Amino acid sequence: CDYSGQGGLMSVIGHDLTETQKTQCLFVRQLVQNYFQIVKSAFQDYCPKAIAHAVVYFMEENIQRHLIEKLHTANEIEQLVKESAIVEDQRRYINNKLKALKIAIEVIREIRETSF
């Protein structure tokens, strides 16, 4: 409990301290230092988290708006929903197969009905 200045701690409280008071003073000083160390550590932990949260929230809001604006551009919508030539060919091929299978099922039904 050393106060810098002319009279030290005695000038602050007006009289000399007993050993018990000096020990208590040192104890309180240590508690205050420990408290500030805890606060400093908590602040160091909290700051990056708070900044990251703010950045993520800002990016989420702005990127979503930006992407929606980009999607509503006429040329880009047509380009995005346009089916690729490969997929279009595959779809036609599978549709033709499906039609052939339906015809085959119908033929099998007719054969069953006429057989019995």
N, C-alpha and C. Protein backbone atom coordinates (compact mmCIF):
# COMPACT_ATOMS: atom_id res chain seq x y z
N CYS A 1 0.83 -1.18 0.00
CA CYS A 1 0.00 0.00 0.00
C CYS A 1 0.87 1.23 0.00
N ASP A 2 1.70 1.28 -0.95
CA ASP A 2 2.62 2.39 -1.04
C ASP A 2 2.02 3.45 -1.93
N TYR A 3 1.78 4.63 -1.38
CA TYR A 3 1.30 5.75 -2.16
C TYR A 3 2.49 6.64 -2.42
N SER A 4 2.70 6.95 -3.69
CA SER A 4 3.80 7.87 -3.96
C SER A 4 3.38 9.27 -3.58
N GLY A 5 4.30 10.04 -3.24
CA GLY A 5 4.01 11.40 -2.78
C GLY A 5 4.82 11.66 -1.53
N GLN A 6 4.64 12.81 -0.94
CA GLN A 6 5.48 13.19 0.18
C GLN A 6 5.21 12.37 1.42
N GLY A 7 4.00 12.26 1.85
CA GLY A 7 3.72 11.61 3.13
C GLY A 7 3.39 10.14 3.00
N GLY A 8 3.30 9.59 1.79
CA GLY A 8 2.92 8.20 1.62
C GLY A 8 1.49 7.98 2.09
N LEU A 9 1.20 6.77 2.55
CA LEU A 9 -0.14 6.42 3.01
C LEU A 9 -0.52 7.18 4.26
N MET A 10 0.47 7.49 5.11
CA MET A 10 0.20 8.20 6.35
C MET A 10 -0.47 9.55 6.07
N SER A 11 -0.04 10.21 4.98
CA SER A 11 -0.63 11.50 4.67
C SER A 11 -2.06 11.34 4.16
N VAL A 12 -2.39 10.17 3.64
CA VAL A 12 -3.72 9.94 3.11
C VAL A 12 -4.71 9.68 4.24
N ILE A 13 -4.33 8.83 5.21
CA ILE A 13 -5.28 8.49 6.27
C ILE A 13 -5.04 9.25 7.56
N GLY A 14 -3.92 9.91 7.68
CA GLY A 14 -3.69 10.77 8.83
C GLY A 14 -2.93 10.13 9.98
N HIS A 15 -2.60 8.85 9.92
CA HIS A 15 -1.81 8.22 10.99
C HIS A 15 -1.10 6.98 10.46
N ASP A 16 -0.15 6.47 11.24
CA ASP A 16 0.58 5.27 10.84
C ASP A 16 -0.33 4.05 10.92
N LEU A 17 -0.06 3.08 10.05
CA LEU A 17 -0.86 1.86 10.02
C LEU A 17 -0.26 0.80 10.92
N THR A 18 -1.11 0.00 11.51
CA THR A 18 -0.64 -1.16 12.28
C THR A 18 -0.28 -2.26 11.29
N GLU A 19 0.37 -3.29 11.75
CA GLU A 19 0.75 -4.41 10.89
C GLU A 19 -0.49 -5.09 10.29
N THR A 20 -1.52 -5.22 11.08
CA THR A 20 -2.77 -5.82 10.60
C THR A 20 -3.37 -4.98 9.48
N GLN A 21 -3.38 -3.67 9.67
CA GLN A 21 -3.92 -2.78 8.65
C GLN A 21 -3.07 -2.83 7.38
N LYS A 22 -1.74 -2.90 7.55
CA LYS A 22 -0.87 -3.00 6.37
C LYS A 22 -1.15 -4.31 5.62
N THR A 23 -1.32 -5.41 6.37
CA THR A 23 -1.61 -6.70 5.76
C THR A 23 -2.95 -6.65 5.03
N GLN A 24 -3.95 -6.04 5.68
CA GLN A 24 -5.26 -5.91 5.05
C GLN A 24 -5.18 -5.04 3.80
N CYS A 25 -4.39 -4.00 3.90
CA CYS A 25 -4.23 -3.09 2.76
C CYS A 25 -3.59 -3.84 1.58
N LEU A 26 -2.56 -4.63 1.87
CA LEU A 26 -1.91 -5.42 0.82
C LEU A 26 -2.88 -6.45 0.24
N PHE A 27 -3.68 -7.05 1.12
CA PHE A 27 -4.67 -8.03 0.68
C PHE A 27 -5.70 -7.39 -0.26
N VAL A 28 -6.19 -6.22 0.12
CA VAL A 28 -7.17 -5.51 -0.71
C VAL A 28 -6.54 -5.12 -2.04
N ARG A 29 -5.30 -4.67 -1.98
CA ARG A 29 -4.59 -4.29 -3.20
C ARG A 29 -4.48 -5.50 -4.13
N GLN A 30 -4.13 -6.66 -3.57
CA GLN A 30 -4.01 -7.88 -4.36
C GLN A 30 -5.36 -8.28 -4.95
N LEU A 31 -6.43 -8.14 -4.17
CA LEU A 31 -7.77 -8.44 -4.67
C LEU A 31 -8.15 -7.53 -5.84
N VAL A 32 -7.84 -6.25 -5.69
CA VAL A 32 -8.16 -5.29 -6.76
C VAL A 32 -7.36 -5.61 -8.01
N GLN A 33 -6.08 -5.93 -7.85
CA GLN A 33 -5.25 -6.29 -9.00
C GLN A 33 -5.79 -7.56 -9.68
N ASN A 34 -6.17 -8.54 -8.88
CA ASN A 34 -6.74 -9.77 -9.44
C ASN A 34 -8.05 -9.49 -10.16
N TYR A 35 -8.87 -8.62 -9.58
CA TYR A 35 -10.13 -8.25 -10.21
C TYR A 35 -9.88 -7.61 -11.58
N PHE A 36 -8.94 -6.66 -11.61
CA PHE A 36 -8.65 -6.00 -12.89
C PHE A 36 -8.06 -6.98 -13.89
N GLN A 37 -7.30 -7.95 -13.43
CA GLN A 37 -6.76 -8.97 -14.33
C GLN A 37 -7.90 -9.82 -14.92
N ILE A 38 -8.87 -10.15 -14.08
CA ILE A 38 -10.02 -10.92 -14.56
C ILE A 38 -10.82 -10.11 -15.57
N VAL A 39 -11.04 -8.83 -15.26
CA VAL A 39 -11.79 -7.96 -16.18
C VAL A 39 -11.04 -7.82 -17.49
N LYS A 40 -9.73 -7.64 -17.42
CA LYS A 40 -8.91 -7.51 -18.62
C LYS A 40 -9.01 -8.79 -19.46
N SER A 41 -8.91 -9.93 -18.82
CA SER A 41 -8.99 -11.21 -19.53
C SER A 41 -10.37 -11.39 -20.16
N ALA A 42 -11.41 -11.07 -19.42
CA ALA A 42 -12.78 -11.18 -19.95
C ALA A 42 -12.97 -10.25 -21.14
N PHE A 43 -12.43 -9.05 -21.05
CA PHE A 43 -12.54 -8.08 -22.14
C PHE A 43 -11.80 -8.58 -23.37
N GLN A 44 -10.60 -9.16 -23.14
CA GLN A 44 -9.83 -9.69 -24.26
C GLN A 44 -10.55 -10.86 -24.92
N ASP A 45 -11.28 -11.64 -24.14
CA ASP A 45 -12.05 -12.74 -24.71
C ASP A 45 -13.30 -12.24 -25.43
N TYR A 46 -13.94 -11.23 -24.86
CA TYR A 46 -15.22 -10.76 -25.37
C TYR A 46 -15.07 -9.94 -26.65
N CYS A 47 -14.05 -9.12 -26.72
CA CYS A 47 -13.91 -8.20 -27.87
C CYS A 47 -13.88 -8.93 -29.22
N PRO A 48 -13.01 -9.92 -29.40
CA PRO A 48 -13.03 -10.60 -30.71
C PRO A 48 -14.37 -11.26 -31.01
N LYS A 49 -15.01 -11.81 -29.98
CA LYS A 49 -16.31 -12.44 -30.19
C LYS A 49 -17.35 -11.40 -30.61
N ALA A 50 -17.34 -10.26 -29.97
CA ALA A 50 -18.30 -9.21 -30.31
C ALA A 50 -18.05 -8.68 -31.71
N ILE A 51 -16.79 -8.50 -32.06
CA ILE A 51 -16.46 -8.02 -33.41
C ILE A 51 -16.87 -9.06 -34.44
N ALA A 52 -16.55 -10.32 -34.19
CA ALA A 52 -16.92 -11.38 -35.13
C ALA A 52 -18.44 -11.45 -35.29
N HIS A 53 -19.16 -11.33 -34.19
CA HIS A 53 -20.62 -11.36 -34.26
C HIS A 53 -21.14 -10.20 -35.11
N ALA A 54 -20.60 -9.02 -34.88
CA ALA A 54 -21.04 -7.85 -35.64
C ALA A 54 -20.73 -8.01 -37.13
N VAL A 55 -19.55 -8.52 -37.44
CA VAL A 55 -19.16 -8.70 -38.84
C VAL A 55 -20.04 -9.75 -39.50
N VAL A 56 -20.25 -10.87 -38.82
CA VAL A 56 -21.07 -11.94 -39.39
C VAL A 56 -22.50 -11.45 -39.61
N TYR A 57 -23.06 -10.75 -38.65
CA TYR A 57 -24.42 -10.24 -38.78
C TYR A 57 -24.50 -9.25 -39.94
N PHE A 58 -23.52 -8.34 -40.02
CA PHE A 58 -23.49 -7.35 -41.10
C PHE A 58 -23.40 -8.05 -42.46
N MET A 59 -22.50 -9.04 -42.56
CA MET A 59 -22.33 -9.74 -43.82
C MET A 59 -23.59 -10.53 -44.19
N GLU A 60 -24.21 -11.15 -43.21
CA GLU A 60 -25.42 -11.92 -43.47
C GLU A 60 -26.51 -11.02 -44.05
N GLU A 61 -26.71 -9.88 -43.43
CA GLU A 61 -27.76 -8.97 -43.89
C GLU A 61 -27.44 -8.42 -45.27
N ASN A 62 -26.21 -7.98 -45.48
CA ASN A 62 -25.86 -7.32 -46.73
C ASN A 62 -25.67 -8.30 -47.88
N ILE A 63 -25.10 -9.46 -47.61
CA ILE A 63 -24.91 -10.43 -48.68
C ILE A 63 -26.26 -10.95 -49.16
N GLN A 64 -27.15 -11.21 -48.23
CA GLN A 64 -28.48 -11.70 -48.62
C GLN A 64 -29.18 -10.68 -49.51
N ARG A 65 -29.15 -9.42 -49.13
CA ARG A 65 -29.79 -8.37 -49.94
C ARG A 65 -29.11 -8.28 -51.30
N HIS A 66 -27.78 -8.32 -51.31
CA HIS A 66 -27.03 -8.21 -52.56
C HIS A 66 -27.36 -9.39 -53.49
N LEU A 67 -27.41 -10.60 -52.94
CA LEU A 67 -27.70 -11.77 -53.77
C LEU A 67 -29.12 -11.72 -54.33
N ILE A 68 -30.05 -11.26 -53.54
CA ILE A 68 -31.43 -11.15 -54.02
C ILE A 68 -31.52 -10.11 -55.13
N GLU A 69 -30.81 -8.99 -54.98
CA GLU A 69 -30.79 -7.98 -56.04
C GLU A 69 -30.21 -8.56 -57.32
N LYS A 70 -29.14 -9.33 -57.18
CA LYS A 70 -28.52 -9.94 -58.35
C LYS A 70 -29.45 -10.95 -59.02
N LEU A 71 -30.20 -11.69 -58.22
CA LEU A 71 -31.11 -12.70 -58.78
C LEU A 71 -32.24 -12.07 -59.58
N HIS A 72 -32.65 -10.89 -59.19
CA HIS A 72 -33.79 -10.26 -59.85
C HIS A 72 -33.41 -9.55 -61.15
N THR A 73 -32.17 -9.61 -61.52
CA THR A 73 -31.77 -9.06 -62.81
C THR A 73 -32.29 -10.00 -63.90
N ALA A 74 -32.97 -9.46 -64.89
CA ALA A 74 -33.67 -10.27 -65.89
C ALA A 74 -32.75 -11.24 -66.62
N ASN A 75 -31.63 -10.78 -67.10
CA ASN A 75 -30.72 -11.64 -67.86
C ASN A 75 -30.20 -12.80 -67.01
N GLU A 76 -29.90 -12.51 -65.78
CA GLU A 76 -29.34 -13.54 -64.93
C GLU A 76 -30.38 -14.59 -64.55
N ILE A 77 -31.63 -14.18 -64.39
CA ILE A 77 -32.67 -15.16 -64.06
C ILE A 77 -32.84 -16.14 -65.21
N GLU A 78 -32.91 -15.62 -66.43
CA GLU A 78 -33.05 -16.50 -67.60
C GLU A 78 -31.87 -17.45 -67.71
N GLN A 79 -30.70 -16.93 -67.46
CA GLN A 79 -29.50 -17.75 -67.55
C GLN A 79 -29.46 -18.81 -66.44
N LEU A 80 -29.92 -18.44 -65.25
CA LEU A 80 -29.89 -19.38 -64.13
C LEU A 80 -30.91 -20.51 -64.29
N VAL A 81 -32.08 -20.20 -64.83
CA VAL A 81 -33.11 -21.23 -64.95
C VAL A 81 -33.04 -22.00 -66.26
N LYS A 82 -32.18 -21.59 -67.16
CA LYS A 82 -32.05 -22.27 -68.43
C LYS A 82 -31.44 -23.65 -68.21
N GLU A 83 -32.07 -24.64 -68.83
CA GLU A 83 -31.60 -26.02 -68.70
C GLU A 83 -30.43 -26.24 -69.65
N SER A 84 -29.41 -26.91 -69.15
CA SER A 84 -28.25 -27.16 -70.01
C SER A 84 -28.64 -28.16 -71.10
N ALA A 85 -27.89 -28.15 -72.18
CA ALA A 85 -28.19 -29.02 -73.32
C ALA A 85 -28.09 -30.49 -72.92
N ILE A 86 -27.12 -30.82 -72.10
CA ILE A 86 -26.94 -32.21 -71.67
C ILE A 86 -28.15 -32.67 -70.86
N VAL A 87 -28.59 -31.85 -69.92
CA VAL A 87 -29.74 -32.20 -69.09
C VAL A 87 -30.99 -32.30 -69.94
N GLU A 88 -31.12 -31.41 -70.90
CA GLU A 88 -32.29 -31.44 -71.79
C GLU A 88 -32.32 -32.73 -72.60
N ASP A 89 -31.17 -33.15 -73.13
CA ASP A 89 -31.09 -34.41 -73.87
C ASP A 89 -31.42 -35.60 -72.98
N GLN A 90 -30.88 -35.60 -71.76
CA GLN A 90 -31.15 -36.70 -70.83
C GLN A 90 -32.64 -36.75 -70.48
N ARG A 91 -33.24 -35.60 -70.29
CA ARG A 91 -34.67 -35.55 -69.96
C ARG A 91 -35.50 -36.13 -71.11
N ARG A 92 -35.18 -35.75 -72.35
CA ARG A 92 -35.91 -36.28 -73.51
C ARG A 92 -35.74 -37.80 -73.61
N TYR A 93 -34.51 -38.26 -73.42
CA TYR A 93 -34.22 -39.69 -73.50
C TYR A 93 -35.02 -40.46 -72.45
N ILE A 94 -35.03 -39.97 -71.22
CA ILE A 94 -35.75 -40.65 -70.14
C ILE A 94 -37.26 -40.58 -70.37
N ASN A 95 -37.76 -39.46 -70.87
CA ASN A 95 -39.19 -39.36 -71.18
C ASN A 95 -39.59 -40.37 -72.27
N ASN A 96 -38.72 -40.53 -73.27
CA ASN A 96 -39.00 -41.52 -74.32
C ASN A 96 -39.00 -42.93 -73.74
N LYS A 97 -38.06 -43.22 -72.85
CA LYS A 97 -38.01 -44.53 -72.18
C LYS A 97 -39.29 -44.74 -71.37
N LEU A 98 -39.72 -43.71 -70.66
CA LEU A 98 -40.92 -43.81 -69.84
C LEU A 98 -42.14 -44.10 -70.71
N LYS A 99 -42.24 -43.41 -71.84
CA LYS A 99 -43.36 -43.68 -72.76
C LYS A 99 -43.32 -45.11 -73.27
N ALA A 100 -42.10 -45.58 -73.60
CA ALA A 100 -41.96 -46.96 -74.09
C ALA A 100 -42.35 -47.95 -73.00
N LEU A 101 -41.97 -47.69 -71.76
CA LEU A 101 -42.34 -48.58 -70.65
C LEU A 101 -43.85 -48.59 -70.43
N LYS A 102 -44.48 -47.44 -70.52
CA LYS A 102 -45.93 -47.38 -70.37
C LYS A 102 -46.63 -48.18 -71.47
N ILE A 103 -46.12 -48.07 -72.68
CA ILE A 103 -46.69 -48.84 -73.80
C ILE A 103 -46.49 -50.33 -73.54
N ALA A 104 -45.29 -50.71 -73.06
CA ALA A 104 -45.01 -52.12 -72.78
C ALA A 104 -45.94 -52.65 -71.69
N ILE A 105 -46.18 -51.86 -70.66
CA ILE A 105 -47.09 -52.27 -69.59
C ILE A 105 -48.49 -52.46 -70.14
N GLU A 106 -48.91 -51.59 -71.00
CA GLU A 106 -50.25 -51.69 -71.59
C GLU A 106 -50.35 -52.95 -72.46
N VAL A 107 -49.30 -53.24 -73.21
CA VAL A 107 -49.29 -54.44 -74.05
C VAL A 107 -49.37 -55.69 -73.18
N ILE A 108 -48.61 -55.71 -72.07
CA ILE A 108 -48.64 -56.85 -71.15
C ILE A 108 -50.03 -57.02 -70.55
N ARG A 109 -50.69 -55.95 -70.21
CA ARG A 109 -52.06 -56.02 -69.67
C ARG A 109 -53.01 -56.63 -70.70
N GLU A 110 -52.88 -56.18 -71.93
CA GLU A 110 -53.74 -56.70 -73.00
C GLU A 110 -53.51 -58.19 -73.21
N ILE A 111 -52.25 -58.62 -73.14
CA ILE A 111 -51.93 -60.04 -73.31
C ILE A 111 -52.54 -60.85 -72.18
N ARG A 112 -52.43 -60.35 -70.95
CA ARG A 112 -53.00 -61.05 -69.79
C ARG A 112 -54.52 -61.18 -69.93
N GLU A 113 -55.16 -60.10 -70.35
CA GLU A 113 -56.62 -60.11 -70.46
C GLU A 113 -57.09 -61.07 -71.56
N THR A 114 -56.36 -61.14 -72.63
CA THR A 114 -56.77 -62.03 -73.72
C THR A 114 -56.39 -63.48 -73.45
N SER A 115 -55.40 -63.72 -72.62
CA SER A 115 -54.96 -65.09 -72.32
C SER A 115 -55.93 -65.80 -71.42
N PHE A 116 -56.57 -65.14 -70.55
CA PHE A 116 -57.43 -65.80 -69.56
C PHE A 116 -58.82 -65.75 -69.98
